[in-house]
PDB file of N, CA and C in Angstrom:
ATOM      1  N   MET A   1       4.593 -22.026  13.667  1.00  0.00           N
ATOM      2  CA  MET A   1       4.924 -20.611  13.566  1.00  0.00           C
ATOM      3  C   MET A   1       4.764 -20.004  14.904  1.00  0.00           C
ATOM      4  N   GLU A   2       5.704 -19.156  15.291  1.00  0.00           N
ATOM      5  CA  GLU A   2       5.647 -18.479  16.549  1.00  0.00           C
ATOM      6  C   GLU A   2       4.609 -17.348  16.585  1.00  0.00           C
ATOM      7  N   LYS A   3       4.234 -16.992  17.802  1.00  0.00           N
ATOM      8  CA  LYS A   3       3.227 -15.928  17.964  1.00  0.00           C
ATOM      9  C   LYS A   3       3.694 -14.641  17.325  1.00  0.00           C
ATOM     10  N   ASN A   4       5.000 -14.269  17.545  1.00  0.00           N
ATOM     11  CA  ASN A   4       5.526 -13.024  16.988  1.00  0.00           C
ATOM     12  C   ASN A   4       5.486 -13.023  15.442  1.00  0.00           C
ATOM     13  N   GLU A   5       5.759 -14.199  14.891  1.00  0.00           N
ATOM     14  CA  GLU A   5       5.733 -14.312  13.400  1.00  0.00           C
ATOM     15  C   GLU A   5       4.318 -14.147  12.902  1.00  0.00           C
ATOM     16  N   ARG A   6       3.359 -14.753  13.599  1.00  0.00           N
ATOM     17  CA  ARG A   6       1.937 -14.598  13.205  1.00  0.00           C
ATOM     18  C   ARG A   6       1.491 -13.169  13.270  1.00  0.00           C
ATOM     19  N   LEU A   7       1.899 -12.453  14.368  1.00  0.00           N
ATOM     20  CA  LEU A   7       1.525 -11.038  14.506  1.00  0.00           C
ATOM     21  C   LEU A   7       2.171 -10.222  13.375  1.00  0.00           C
ATOM     22  N   ALA A   8       3.426 -10.506  13.062  1.00  0.00           N
ATOM     23  CA  ALA A   8       4.098  -9.813  11.997  1.00  0.00           C
ATOM     24  C   ALA A   8       3.378 -10.025  10.650  1.00  0.00           C
ATOM     25  N   ILE A   9       3.005 -11.269  10.385  1.00  0.00           N
ATOM     26  CA  ILE A   9       2.279 -11.573   9.141  1.00  0.00           C
ATOM     27  C   ILE A   9       0.920 -10.859   9.092  1.00  0.00           C
ATOM     28  N   ASN A  10       0.194 -10.841  10.222  1.00  0.00           N
ATOM     29  CA  ASN A  10      -1.048 -10.176  10.292  1.00  0.00           C
ATOM     30  C   ASN A  10      -0.890  -8.643  10.008  1.00  0.00           C
ATOM     31  N   GLU A  11       0.188  -8.062  10.524  1.00  0.00           N
ATOM     32  CA  GLU A  11       0.463  -6.644  10.286  1.00  0.00           C
ATOM     33  C   GLU A  11       0.763  -6.416   8.850  1.00  0.00           C
ATOM     34  N   ILE A  12       1.512  -7.320   8.226  1.00  0.00           N
ATOM     35  CA  ILE A  12       1.830  -7.175   6.818  1.00  0.00           C
ATOM     36  C   ILE A  12       0.565  -7.267   5.966  1.00  0.00           C
ATOM     37  N   ILE A  13      -0.295  -8.193   6.311  1.00  0.00           N
ATOM     38  CA  ILE A  13      -1.597  -8.330   5.559  1.00  0.00           C
ATOM     39  C   ILE A  13      -2.414  -7.056   5.675  1.00  0.00           C
ATOM     40  N   GLU A  14      -2.494  -6.516   6.887  1.00  0.00           N
ATOM     41  CA  GLU A  14      -3.265  -5.275   7.061  1.00  0.00           C
ATOM     42  C   GLU A  14      -2.711  -4.152   6.236  1.00  0.00           C
ATOM     43  N   ASP A  15      -1.321  -4.052   6.239  1.00  0.00           N
ATOM     44  CA  ASP A  15      -0.662  -2.965   5.491  1.00  0.00           C
ATOM     45  C   ASP A  15      -0.924  -3.130   3.975  1.00  0.00           C
ATOM     46  N   LEU A  16      -0.813  -4.419   3.499  1.00  0.00           N
ATOM     47  CA  LEU A  16      -1.091  -4.673   2.114  1.00  0.00           C
ATOM     48  C   LEU A  16      -2.549  -4.321   1.710  1.00  0.00           C
ATOM     49  N   ASN A  17      -3.464  -4.625   2.582  1.00  0.00           N
ATOM     50  CA  ASN A  17      -4.867  -4.256   2.330  1.00  0.00           C
ATOM     51  C   ASN A  17      -5.046  -2.722   2.243  1.00  0.00           C
ATOM     52  N   LYS A  18      -4.371  -2.039   3.143  1.00  0.00           N
ATOM     53  CA  LYS A  18      -4.461  -0.547   3.119  1.00  0.00           C
ATOM     54  C   LYS A  18      -3.888   0.017   1.803  1.00  0.00           C
ATOM     55  N   VAL A  19      -2.744  -0.523   1.379  1.00  0.00           N
ATOM     56  CA  VAL A  19      -2.117  -0.087   0.147  1.00  0.00           C
ATOM     57  C   VAL A  19      -3.038  -0.370  -1.043  1.00  0.00           C
ATOM     58  N   HIS A  20      -3.587  -1.602  -1.060  1.00  0.00           N
ATOM     59  CA  HIS A  20      -4.477  -2.013  -2.158  1.00  0.00           C
ATOM     60  C   HIS A  20      -5.707  -1.078  -2.205  1.00  0.00           C
ATOM     61  N   ASN A  21      -6.311  -0.851  -1.095  1.00  0.00           N
ATOM     62  CA  ASN A  21      -7.524   0.018  -1.025  1.00  0.00           C
ATOM     63  C   ASN A  21      -7.195   1.435  -1.492  1.00  0.00           C
ATOM     64  N   ASN A  22      -6.035   1.970  -1.084  1.00  0.00           N
ATOM     65  CA  ASN A  22      -5.644   3.325  -1.440  1.00  0.00           C
ATOM     66  C   ASN A  22      -5.425   3.425  -2.953  1.00  0.00           C
ATOM     67  N   ILE A  23      -4.710   2.501  -3.519  1.00  0.00           N
ATOM     68  CA  ILE A  23      -4.465   2.506  -4.932  1.00  0.00           C
ATOM     69  C   ILE A  23      -5.755   2.333  -5.728  1.00  0.00           C
ATOM     70  N   GLY A  24      -6.604   1.489  -5.260  1.00  0.00           N
ATOM     71  CA  GLY A  24      -7.907   1.291  -5.900  1.00  0.00           C
ATOM     72  C   GLY A  24      -8.725   2.560  -5.898  1.00  0.00           C
ATOM     73  N   LYS A  25      -8.719   3.208  -4.736  1.00  0.00           N
ATOM     74  CA  LYS A  25      -9.504   4.484  -4.563  1.00  0.00           C
ATOM     75  C   LYS A  25      -8.962   5.535  -5.555  1.00  0.00           C
ATOM     76  N   GLU A  26      -7.667   5.688  -5.558  1.00  0.00           N
ATOM     77  CA  GLU A  26      -7.063   6.725  -6.382  1.00  0.00           C
ATOM     78  C   GLU A  26      -7.271   6.469  -7.894  1.00  0.00           C
ATOM     79  N   THR A  27      -7.055   5.221  -8.296  1.00  0.00           N
ATOM     80  CA  THR A  27      -7.253   4.928  -9.699  1.00  0.00           C
ATOM     81  C   THR A  27      -8.700   5.037 -10.108  1.00  0.00           C
ATOM     82  N   THR A  28      -9.627   4.646  -9.264  1.00  0.00           N
ATOM     83  CA  THR A  28     -11.056   4.788  -9.574  1.00  0.00           C
ATOM     84  C   THR A  28     -11.383   6.293  -9.710  1.00  0.00           C
ATOM     85  N   LYS A  29     -10.875   7.075  -8.790  1.00  0.00           N
ATOM     86  CA  LYS A  29     -11.111   8.488  -8.869  1.00  0.00           C
ATOM     87  C   LYS A  29     -10.548   9.083 -10.188  1.00  0.00           C
ATOM     88  N   TYR A  30      -9.355   8.628 -10.579  1.00  0.00           N
ATOM     89  CA  TYR A  30      -8.724   9.098 -11.780  1.00  0.00           C
ATOM     90  C   TYR A  30      -9.468   8.721 -13.021  1.00  0.00           C
ATOM     91  N   TYR A  31      -9.931   7.488 -13.077  1.00  0.00           N
ATOM     92  CA  TYR A  31     -10.576   7.025 -14.348  1.00  0.00           C
ATOM     93  C   TYR A  31     -12.061   7.321 -14.430  1.00  0.00           C
ATOM     94  N   SER A  32     -12.688   7.651 -13.302  1.00  0.00           N
ATOM     95  CA  SER A  32     -14.134   7.900 -13.348  1.00  0.00           C
ATOM     96  C   SER A  32     -14.507   9.397 -13.444  1.00  0.00           C
ATOM     97  N   ASN A  33     -13.548  10.254 -13.367  1.00  0.00           N
ATOM     98  CA  ASN A  33     -13.856  11.701 -13.429  1.00  0.00           C
ATOM     99  C   ASN A  33     -12.890  12.417 -14.309  1.00  0.00           C
ATOM    100  N   VAL A  34     -13.338  13.615 -14.689  1.00  0.00           N
ATOM    101  CA  VAL A  34     -12.395  14.522 -15.310  1.00  0.00           C
ATOM    102  C   VAL A  34     -11.814  15.372 -14.178  1.00  0.00           C
ATOM    103  N   LEU A  35     -10.516  15.154 -13.981  1.00  0.00           N
ATOM    104  CA  LEU A  35      -9.906  15.791 -12.795  1.00  0.00           C
ATOM    105  C   LEU A  35      -9.086  17.026 -13.212  1.00  0.00           C
ATOM    106  N   SER A  36      -9.003  17.944 -12.270  1.00  0.00           N
ATOM    107  CA  SER A  36      -8.136  19.092 -12.501  1.00  0.00           C
ATOM    108  C   SER A  36      -6.689  18.680 -12.336  1.00  0.00           C
ATOM    109  N   ASP A  37      -5.777  19.548 -12.718  1.00  0.00           N
ATOM    110  CA  ASP A  37      -4.358  19.228 -12.605  1.00  0.00           C
ATOM    111  C   ASP A  37      -3.977  18.971 -11.135  1.00  0.00           C
ATOM    112  N   GLU A  38      -4.567  19.756 -10.248  1.00  0.00           N
ATOM    113  CA  GLU A  38      -4.299  19.617  -8.782  1.00  0.00           C
ATOM    114  C   GLU A  38      -4.790  18.229  -8.307  1.00  0.00           C
ATOM    115  N   GLU A  39      -5.953  17.834  -8.723  1.00  0.00           N
ATOM    116  CA  GLU A  39      -6.503  16.546  -8.272  1.00  0.00           C
ATOM    117  C   GLU A  39      -5.656  15.369  -8.810  1.00  0.00           C
ATOM    118  N   ILE A  40      -5.177  15.516 -10.074  1.00  0.00           N
ATOM    119  CA  ILE A  40      -4.322  14.461 -10.658  1.00  0.00           C
ATOM    120  C   ILE A  40      -2.997  14.412  -9.821  1.00  0.00           C
ATOM    121  N   GLU A  41      -2.446  15.541  -9.490  1.00  0.00           N
ATOM    122  CA  GLU A  41      -1.218  15.637  -8.694  1.00  0.00           C
ATOM    123  C   GLU A  41      -1.405  14.946  -7.338  1.00  0.00           C
ATOM    124  N   ASP A  42      -2.576  15.263  -6.712  1.00  0.00           N
ATOM    125  CA  ASP A  42      -2.873  14.654  -5.408  1.00  0.00           C
ATOM    126  C   ASP A  42      -2.999  13.139  -5.508  1.00  0.00           C
ATOM    127  N   ALA A  43      -3.670  12.663  -6.552  1.00  0.00           N
ATOM    128  CA  ALA A  43      -3.818  11.236  -6.771  1.00  0.00           C
ATOM    129  C   ALA A  43      -2.432  10.572  -6.989  1.00  0.00           C
ATOM    130  N   MET A  44      -1.596  11.195  -7.792  1.00  0.00           N
ATOM    131  CA  MET A  44      -0.284  10.648  -8.058  1.00  0.00           C
ATOM    132  C   MET A  44       0.581  10.617  -6.786  1.00  0.00           C
ATOM    133  N   ASN A  45       0.480  11.659  -5.978  1.00  0.00           N
ATOM    134  CA  ASN A  45       1.207  11.702  -4.696  1.00  0.00           C
ATOM    135  C   ASN A  45       0.745  10.582  -3.783  1.00  0.00           C
ATOM    136  N   ASN A  46      -0.566  10.335  -3.730  1.00  0.00           N
ATOM    137  CA  ASN A  46      -1.097   9.243  -2.899  1.00  0.00           C
ATOM    138  C   ASN A  46      -0.608   7.908  -3.425  1.00  0.00           C
ATOM    139  N   ILE A  47      -0.579   7.719  -4.725  1.00  0.00           N
ATOM    140  CA  ILE A  47      -0.092   6.481  -5.292  1.00  0.00           C
ATOM    141  C   ILE A  47       1.415   6.300  -5.015  1.00  0.00           C
ATOM    142  N   ASP A  48       2.146   7.383  -5.190  1.00  0.00           N
ATOM    143  CA  ASP A  48       3.641   7.319  -4.852  1.00  0.00           C
ATOM    144  C   ASP A  48       3.808   6.951  -3.411  1.00  0.00           C
ATOM    145  N   GLY A  49       3.014   7.503  -2.508  1.00  0.00           N
ATOM    146  CA  GLY A  49       3.091   7.159  -1.073  1.00  0.00           C
ATOM    147  C   GLY A  49       2.793   5.702  -0.852  1.00  0.00           C
ATOM    148  N   SER A  50       1.853   5.169  -1.616  1.00  0.00           N
ATOM    149  CA  SER A  50       1.486   3.747  -1.491  1.00  0.00           C
ATOM    150  C   SER A  50       2.643   2.892  -2.001  1.00  0.00           C
ATOM    151  N   LYS A  51       3.289   3.299  -3.056  1.00  0.00           N
ATOM    152  CA  LYS A  51       4.433   2.570  -3.610  1.00  0.00           C
ATOM    153  C   LYS A  51       5.549   2.485  -2.537  1.00  0.00           C
ATOM    154  N   ILE A  52       5.795   3.592  -1.863  1.00  0.00           N
ATOM    155  CA  ILE A  52       6.847   3.577  -0.799  1.00  0.00           C
ATOM    156  C   ILE A  52       6.448   2.634   0.295  1.00  0.00           C
ATOM    157  N   LYS A  53       5.200   2.724   0.726  1.00  0.00           N
ATOM    158  CA  LYS A  53       4.698   1.843   1.838  1.00  0.00           C
ATOM    159  C   LYS A  53       4.805   0.396   1.386  1.00  0.00           C
ATOM    160  N   LEU A  54       4.455   0.136   0.135  1.00  0.00           N
ATOM    161  CA  LEU A  54       4.523  -1.245  -0.428  1.00  0.00           C
ATOM    162  C   LEU A  54       5.988  -1.777  -0.390  1.00  0.00           C
ATOM    163  N   ALA A  55       6.933  -0.941  -0.701  1.00  0.00           N
ATOM    164  CA  ALA A  55       8.326  -1.335  -0.671  1.00  0.00           C
ATOM    165  C   ALA A  55       8.760  -1.706   0.778  1.00  0.00           C
ATOM    166  N   LYS A  56       8.305  -0.943   1.753  1.00  0.00           N
ATOM    167  CA  LYS A  56       8.619  -1.219   3.158  1.00  0.00           C
ATOM    168  C   LYS A  56       7.966  -2.550   3.553  1.00  0.00           C
ATOM    169  N   ILE A  57       6.744  -2.804   3.106  1.00  0.00           N
ATOM    170  CA  ILE A  57       6.048  -4.056   3.471  1.00  0.00           C
ATOM    171  C   ILE A  57       6.853  -5.248   2.862  1.00  0.00           C
ATOM    172  N   ILE A  58       7.277  -5.093   1.670  1.00  0.00           N
ATOM    173  CA  ILE A  58       8.061  -6.156   0.996  1.00  0.00           C
ATOM    174  C   ILE A  58       9.354  -6.404   1.802  1.00  0.00           C
ATOM    175  N   GLU A  59       9.983  -5.363   2.258  1.00  0.00           N
ATOM    176  CA  GLU A  59      11.226  -5.549   3.088  1.00  0.00           C
ATOM    177  C   GLU A  59      10.894  -6.328   4.373  1.00  0.00           C
ATOM    178  N   LYS A  60       9.784  -5.979   5.030  1.00  0.00           N
ATOM    179  CA  LYS A  60       9.388  -6.700   6.246  1.00  0.00           C
ATOM    180  C   LYS A  60       9.122  -8.175   5.961  1.00  0.00           C
ATOM    181  N   LEU A  61       8.462  -8.414   4.861  1.00  0.00           N
ATOM    182  CA  LEU A  61       8.144  -9.763   4.472  1.00  0.00           C
ATOM    183  C   LEU A  61       9.375 -10.589   4.144  1.00  0.00           C
ATOM    184  N   ALA A  62      10.356  -9.957   3.485  1.00  0.00           N
ATOM    185  CA  ALA A  62      11.605 -10.590   3.173  1.00  0.00           C
ATOM    186  C   ALA A  62      12.399 -10.899   4.434  1.00  0.00           C
ATOM    187  N   GLU A  63      12.406 -10.005   5.366  1.00  0.00           N
ATOM    188  CA  GLU A  63      13.072 -10.256   6.669  1.00  0.00           C
ATOM    189  C   GLU A  63      12.390 -11.435   7.394  1.00  0.00           C
ATOM    190  N   LEU A  64      11.083 -11.487   7.422  1.00  0.00           N
ATOM    191  CA  LEU A  64      10.377 -12.501   8.075  1.00  0.00           C
ATOM    192  C   LEU A  64      10.646 -13.850   7.415  1.00  0.00           C
ATOM    193  N   SER A  65      10.705 -13.909   6.105  1.00  0.00           N
ATOM    194  CA  SER A  65      10.960 -15.129   5.409  1.00  0.00           C
ATOM    195  C   SER A  65      12.401 -15.607   5.590  1.00  0.00           C
ATOM    196  N   ASN A  66      13.297 -14.782   5.931  1.00  0.00           N
ATOM    197  CA  ASN A  66      14.660 -15.195   6.156  1.00  0.00           C
ATOM    198  C   ASN A  66      14.934 -15.728   7.576  1.00  0.00           C
ATOM    199  N   LYS A  67      13.938 -15.675   8.436  1.00  0.00           N
ATOM    200  CA  LYS A  67      14.103 -16.138   9.826  1.00  0.00           C
ATOM    201  C   LYS A  67      14.055 -17.634   9.890  1.00  0.00           C
TER     202      LYS A  67
END
């Protein structure tokens, strides 16, 4: 595996960890507390942002696997 490919994979792993941690944080917050409507909306927006980031990570991984 080339150095650039290893760096790309490391970047993908870091991004996946960030997404995983964010979703975990938001779902824990949601399930462990009685949240206001605003807090629920904020949590859902954060999860939606994580879904978008996850889609981009998957695209990067697909590009890398096609090389």
